[in-house]
Amino acid sequence: MQRRKKRVNRLRLFQLLLLLVICGAFWLGIDHYRQRQQITITAPALIVRSAPNSSREVTTITKNTTVTRLKQRKGWVKIFYRGKIGWLPTWLIHSQYDATKATDRLAEQTIVIDAGHGGSDSGALATNGTYEKYYTLKMAQALATKLKTSAARVIMTRSHDQSVALRQRPALANQVGASLFISFHFDSTPEADTASGFTTYYYHAASKKFAQTLSQQLNSLALTNRGTAYGNFQVIRDSTMPAVLLEMGYINDTTDYQSISSASYQQQVAQLIYQGLQKYTATN
């Protein structure tokens, strides 16, 4: 009887120890999970938004503030801080960006830049036989380089001479949660030297203001500004964010081509679009 009692006691002790081990592992797991969900902001100051790409402010958090991560979506993280819930752009959390000094929201944007054509799709031909795809990439790269100085999240549909299907370009922008989409192209006519100038196209009504802002900013270019126009192009038709397609000159016009092929023109276009983006994001 005593032997049986000792066995029962040992069994109970073993069960108690096993329960303690399981509980300890459980609480350690919870503690590890909670620690993993904590984010410490190292940027000087960030504005918490009510939703990704939203303009409504929830609160401002400063350097060395620790917040709780709830979930992440398309480059933005949902956080909890002092009873408030909102969203932060992930690429700014450990940057040098100070939202309290910013006059626009350019740094908070995910901008997809589309260099038209590429690979087997050469695009239009210049009078000397040069392909359009070469200059769309040059211009896209110039803008991307300029935008990276603003701390914006910049994504290119192609970064070298490669084939990218039309449907894949807006699909990429939609997938990454882009807030703006810009596609570069160059016009052409059946007969050379019969048209000149650049045009800013939009498809959705929500993109019209974006197109107008960029078009107005490009007024100082030497080429004629042909204004904004509705354009039924797949890359801007299938984009769910404000999107424009820029035809930045006629590639088979001798005068336009001199500008198109010039590095100074490419840099000037990049600078003016950058300024246009600053203006647009300051009020939208």
Protein backbone atom coordinates (compact mmCIF):
# COMPACT_ATOMS: atom_id res chain seq x y z
CA MET A 1 0.00 0.00 0.00
CA GLN A 2 2.81 2.42 0.94
CA ARG A 3 4.72 1.44 -2.19
CA ARG A 4 1.67 2.19 -4.33
CA LYS A 5 1.26 5.52 -2.56
CA LYS A 6 4.89 6.43 -3.28
CA ARG A 7 4.36 5.60 -6.95
CA VAL A 8 1.30 7.81 -7.09
CA ASN A 9 3.19 10.66 -5.41
CA ARG A 10 6.10 10.30 -7.82
CA LEU A 11 3.68 10.30 -10.76
CA ARG A 12 1.97 13.42 -9.46
CA LEU A 13 5.32 15.11 -8.93
CA PHE A 14 6.35 14.19 -12.48
CA GLN A 15 3.05 15.54 -13.85
CA LEU A 16 3.51 18.75 -11.86
CA LEU A 17 7.07 19.22 -13.15
CA LEU A 18 5.90 18.50 -16.70
CA LEU A 19 3.11 21.06 -16.32
CA LEU A 20 5.61 23.65 -15.04
CA VAL A 21 7.92 23.00 -18.01
CA ILE A 22 5.03 23.34 -20.47
CA CYS A 23 3.79 26.55 -18.82
CA GLY A 24 7.33 27.96 -18.78
CA ALA A 25 7.80 27.21 -22.46
CA PHE A 26 4.40 28.71 -23.21
CA TRP A 27 5.15 31.97 -21.39
CA LEU A 28 8.62 32.16 -22.89
CA GLY A 29 7.01 31.76 -26.30
CA ILE A 30 4.52 34.52 -25.60
CA ASP A 31 7.28 36.80 -24.30
CA HIS A 32 9.41 36.08 -27.37
CA TYR A 33 6.41 36.78 -29.61
CA ARG A 34 5.68 40.06 -27.82
CA GLN A 35 9.31 41.14 -28.10
CA ARG A 36 9.34 40.25 -31.78
CA GLN A 37 6.26 42.43 -32.29
CA GLN A 38 7.96 45.50 -30.84
CA ILE A 39 9.46 48.08 -33.24
CA THR A 40 11.73 50.88 -32.11
CA ILE A 41 11.61 53.91 -34.39
CA THR A 42 15.04 55.33 -35.20
CA ALA A 43 13.89 58.01 -37.67
CA PRO A 44 13.80 61.54 -36.15
CA ALA A 45 10.00 61.76 -36.53
CA LEU A 46 7.24 59.93 -38.41
CA ILE A 47 3.53 60.61 -38.83
CA VAL A 48 1.20 57.70 -38.15
CA ARG A 49 -1.52 57.64 -40.83
CA SER A 50 -5.08 56.33 -40.58
CA ALA A 51 -4.43 53.95 -43.51
CA PRO A 52 -1.66 53.19 -46.03
CA ASN A 53 -1.26 56.22 -48.35
CA SER A 54 -3.88 58.11 -46.36
CA SER A 55 -3.37 61.80 -45.65
CA ARG A 56 -5.19 61.76 -42.29
CA GLU A 57 -2.83 61.97 -39.31
CA VAL A 58 -3.34 59.83 -36.22
CA THR A 59 -0.32 60.96 -34.21
CA THR A 60 3.39 61.75 -34.53
CA ILE A 61 6.09 59.53 -33.06
CA THR A 62 9.71 60.47 -32.52
CA LYS A 63 13.08 58.77 -32.36
CA ASN A 64 13.56 55.86 -29.92
CA THR A 65 9.80 55.38 -29.50
CA THR A 66 8.78 51.72 -29.26
CA VAL A 67 5.49 50.68 -30.84
CA THR A 68 3.64 47.38 -31.22
CA ARG A 69 3.48 45.86 -34.67
CA LEU A 70 0.05 44.47 -35.55
CA LYS A 71 0.43 43.52 -39.21
CA GLN A 72 2.13 44.54 -42.42
CA ARG A 73 0.69 45.23 -45.88
CA LYS A 74 2.25 46.45 -49.12
CA GLY A 75 5.17 48.29 -47.55
CA TRP A 76 3.20 49.72 -44.61
CA VAL A 77 3.05 48.42 -41.05
CA LYS A 78 0.02 48.72 -38.78
CA ILE A 79 1.05 49.74 -35.27
CA PHE A 80 -0.42 50.31 -31.81
CA TYR A 81 0.89 53.16 -29.68
CA ARG A 82 -0.60 54.74 -26.57
CA GLY A 83 -4.12 53.60 -27.31
CA LYS A 84 -3.95 54.65 -30.97
CA ILE A 85 -3.77 52.48 -34.07
CA GLY A 86 -2.36 53.60 -37.42
CA TRP A 87 0.07 52.90 -40.24
CA LEU A 88 3.73 53.71 -40.91
CA PRO A 89 5.75 53.32 -44.15
CA THR A 90 8.28 50.59 -43.35
CA TRP A 91 11.07 52.12 -45.45
CA LEU A 92 11.13 55.24 -43.23
CA ILE A 93 11.22 53.55 -39.81
CA HIS A 94 15.02 53.38 -39.72
CA SER A 95 15.73 56.32 -42.04
CA GLN A 96 16.85 59.89 -41.37
CA TYR A 97 13.46 61.29 -42.35
CA ASP A 98 11.97 63.97 -40.12
CA ALA A 99 8.26 64.39 -40.85
CA THR A 100 8.02 67.50 -38.68
CA LYS A 101 10.24 69.39 -41.13
CA ALA A 102 8.66 68.12 -44.35
CA THR A 103 6.49 70.38 -46.51
CA ASP A 104 5.18 67.51 -48.66
CA ARG A 105 4.57 63.77 -48.37
CA LEU A 106 6.92 62.66 -51.13
CA ALA A 107 9.00 60.48 -48.79
CA GLU A 108 5.87 58.52 -47.82
CA GLN A 109 5.08 57.59 -51.42
CA THR A 110 5.66 54.32 -53.24
CA ILE A 111 6.29 55.46 -56.81
CA VAL A 112 6.43 52.97 -59.67
CA ILE A 113 8.38 54.23 -62.70
CA ASP A 114 7.72 52.48 -65.98
CA ALA A 115 10.28 52.67 -68.78
CA GLY A 116 8.14 51.94 -71.84
CA HIS A 117 8.93 49.05 -74.19
CA GLY A 118 12.15 47.04 -73.70
CA GLY A 119 13.66 43.76 -74.87
CA SER A 120 11.98 42.47 -78.03
CA ASP A 121 9.65 45.49 -77.98
CA SER A 122 11.85 48.28 -79.34
CA GLY A 123 9.15 50.95 -79.53
CA ALA A 124 9.33 53.72 -82.14
CA LEU A 125 12.41 54.51 -84.21
CA ALA A 126 14.33 57.76 -84.37
CA THR A 127 15.36 59.07 -87.79
CA ASN A 128 18.83 57.60 -87.19
CA GLY A 129 17.39 54.17 -86.32
CA THR A 130 17.79 54.42 -82.54
CA TYR A 131 15.13 52.64 -80.51
CA GLU A 132 12.63 54.34 -78.24
CA LYS A 133 13.18 51.71 -75.52
CA TYR A 134 16.71 53.01 -74.97
CA TYR A 135 15.61 56.55 -74.10
CA THR A 136 12.59 55.59 -72.00
CA LEU A 137 14.97 53.67 -69.75
CA LYS A 138 17.41 56.60 -69.59
CA MET A 139 14.64 58.95 -68.51
CA ALA A 140 13.17 56.49 -66.01
CA GLN A 141 16.58 55.97 -64.44
CA ALA A 142 17.18 59.72 -64.17
CA LEU A 143 13.89 60.16 -62.31
CA ALA A 144 14.51 57.15 -60.06
CA THR A 145 17.92 58.50 -59.05
CA LYS A 146 16.43 61.90 -58.28
CA LEU A 147 13.54 60.46 -56.26
CA LYS A 148 15.78 58.33 -54.08
CA THR A 149 17.19 61.53 -52.57
CA SER A 150 13.72 62.21 -51.16
CA ALA A 151 13.60 58.87 -49.26
CA ALA A 152 10.58 57.79 -51.34
CA ARG A 153 10.13 54.09 -52.08
CA VAL A 154 10.96 53.80 -55.78
CA ILE A 155 10.20 50.70 -57.86
CA MET A 156 10.96 50.34 -61.58
CA THR A 157 9.09 48.01 -63.92
CA ARG A 158 12.40 47.34 -65.65
CA SER A 159 15.96 48.38 -64.85
CA HIS A 160 17.64 47.15 -68.03
CA ASP A 161 16.79 46.15 -71.61
CA GLN A 162 14.27 43.42 -70.88
CA SER A 163 10.83 42.44 -72.13
CA VAL A 164 7.99 43.21 -69.72
CA ALA A 165 4.40 42.50 -70.72
CA LEU A 166 2.04 45.49 -70.66
CA ARG A 167 -0.28 43.85 -68.13
CA GLN A 168 2.61 43.14 -65.76
CA ARG A 169 3.49 46.81 -65.38
CA PRO A 170 0.28 48.06 -63.74
CA ALA A 171 -0.06 44.68 -62.00
CA LEU A 172 3.28 45.34 -60.27
CA ALA A 173 2.15 48.80 -59.19
CA ASN A 174 -1.10 47.40 -57.79
CA GLN A 175 0.68 44.55 -56.04
CA VAL A 176 3.22 46.72 -54.18
CA GLY A 177 0.58 49.25 -53.16
CA ALA A 178 2.00 52.10 -55.22
CA SER A 179 0.57 55.53 -54.54
CA LEU A 180 1.69 56.95 -57.92
CA PHE A 181 2.59 55.50 -61.34
CA ILE A 182 4.58 57.22 -64.10
CA SER A 183 5.19 55.67 -67.52
CA PHE A 184 7.70 57.14 -70.00
CA HIS A 185 7.28 56.98 -73.77
CA PHE A 186 8.09 58.99 -76.90
CA ASP A 187 5.68 59.82 -79.69
CA SER A 188 6.17 59.12 -83.38
CA THR A 189 4.44 60.00 -86.66
CA PRO A 190 4.14 58.07 -89.94
CA GLU A 191 6.18 60.79 -91.63
CA ALA A 192 9.27 62.21 -89.92
CA ASP A 193 9.52 65.87 -88.86
CA THR A 194 5.77 66.51 -88.93
CA ALA A 195 5.01 66.87 -85.20
CA SER A 196 6.74 68.12 -82.08
CA GLY A 197 6.18 68.45 -78.33
CA PHE A 198 5.23 66.38 -75.29
CA THR A 199 1.87 65.26 -73.87
CA THR A 200 0.74 64.05 -70.44
CA TYR A 201 -1.92 61.33 -70.63
CA TYR A 202 -4.28 60.06 -67.94
CA TYR A 203 -7.12 57.52 -68.05
CA HIS A 204 -9.06 57.64 -64.78
CA ALA A 205 -10.67 60.87 -63.57
CA ALA A 206 -8.77 60.43 -60.28
CA SER A 207 -5.52 60.81 -62.25
CA LYS A 208 -6.47 64.08 -63.98
CA LYS A 209 -5.17 66.38 -61.23
CA PHE A 210 -1.93 64.42 -61.06
CA ALA A 211 -1.52 64.79 -64.84
CA GLN A 212 -2.27 68.53 -64.72
CA THR A 213 0.23 69.12 -61.92
CA LEU A 214 3.06 67.38 -63.78
CA SER A 215 2.16 68.98 -67.11
CA GLN A 216 2.22 72.48 -65.64
CA GLN A 217 5.56 71.79 -64.00
CA LEU A 218 7.04 70.76 -67.38
CA ASN A 219 6.16 74.11 -69.00
CA SER A 220 9.74 75.35 -68.78
CA LEU A 221 11.03 72.69 -71.18
CA ALA A 222 12.19 73.91 -74.59
CA LEU A 223 9.79 71.55 -76.37
CA THR A 224 6.15 72.52 -76.84
CA ASN A 225 3.81 71.43 -74.07
CA ARG A 226 0.78 69.89 -75.81
CA GLY A 227 -1.02 69.71 -72.45
CA THR A 228 -2.92 66.86 -70.85
CA ALA A 229 -5.20 64.41 -72.64
CA TYR A 230 -7.27 61.32 -72.01
CA GLY A 231 -5.41 58.21 -73.15
CA ASN A 232 -6.73 54.65 -73.26
CA PHE A 233 -3.39 52.98 -72.53
CA GLN A 234 -3.33 49.71 -70.60
CA VAL A 235 -0.57 50.70 -68.20
CA ILE A 236 -2.58 53.63 -66.85
CA ARG A 237 -6.01 52.07 -67.42
CA ASP A 238 -5.23 49.04 -65.22
CA SER A 239 -3.46 51.03 -62.48
CA THR A 240 -5.58 51.58 -59.37
CA MET A 241 -3.61 54.63 -58.20
CA PRO A 242 -3.15 58.06 -59.86
CA ALA A 243 -1.20 57.25 -63.02
CA VAL A 244 0.16 59.13 -66.03
CA LEU A 245 1.80 58.22 -69.31
CA LEU A 246 4.27 60.86 -70.50
CA GLU A 247 5.06 61.13 -74.22
CA MET A 248 8.16 63.29 -73.82
CA GLY A 249 8.69 64.35 -77.41
CA TYR A 250 8.50 62.98 -80.97
CA ILE A 251 11.41 60.64 -81.45
CA ASN A 252 11.29 60.90 -85.26
CA ASP A 253 11.36 64.70 -85.24
CA THR A 254 14.88 66.05 -85.69
CA THR A 255 14.51 68.90 -83.20
CA ASP A 256 12.77 66.80 -80.55
CA TYR A 257 15.30 64.00 -80.93
CA GLN A 258 18.15 66.37 -80.15
CA SER A 259 16.52 66.95 -76.78
CA ILE A 260 15.42 63.34 -76.21
CA SER A 261 18.94 62.02 -76.77
CA SER A 262 20.49 64.69 -74.54
CA ALA A 263 21.49 63.79 -70.98
CA SER A 264 20.78 67.37 -69.94
CA TYR A 265 17.17 67.07 -71.19
CA GLN A 266 16.73 63.79 -69.34
CA GLN A 267 18.02 65.36 -66.14
CA GLN A 268 15.85 68.45 -66.61
CA VAL A 269 12.74 66.32 -67.07
CA ALA A 270 13.64 64.33 -63.95
CA GLN A 271 14.10 67.51 -61.92
CA LEU A 272 10.83 69.07 -63.09
CA ILE A 273 8.83 65.90 -62.45
CA TYR A 274 10.43 65.68 -59.01
CA GLN A 275 9.24 69.22 -58.28
CA GLY A 276 5.81 68.38 -59.65
CA LEU A 277 5.62 65.38 -57.33
CA GLN A 278 6.54 67.61 -54.39
CA LYS A 279 3.68 69.97 -55.26
CA TYR A 280 1.18 67.17 -55.82
CA THR A 281 1.98 65.31 -52.59
CA ALA A 282 1.88 68.53 -50.56
CA THR A 283 -1.88 68.77 -51.09
CA ASN A 284 -2.99 65.19 -51.82
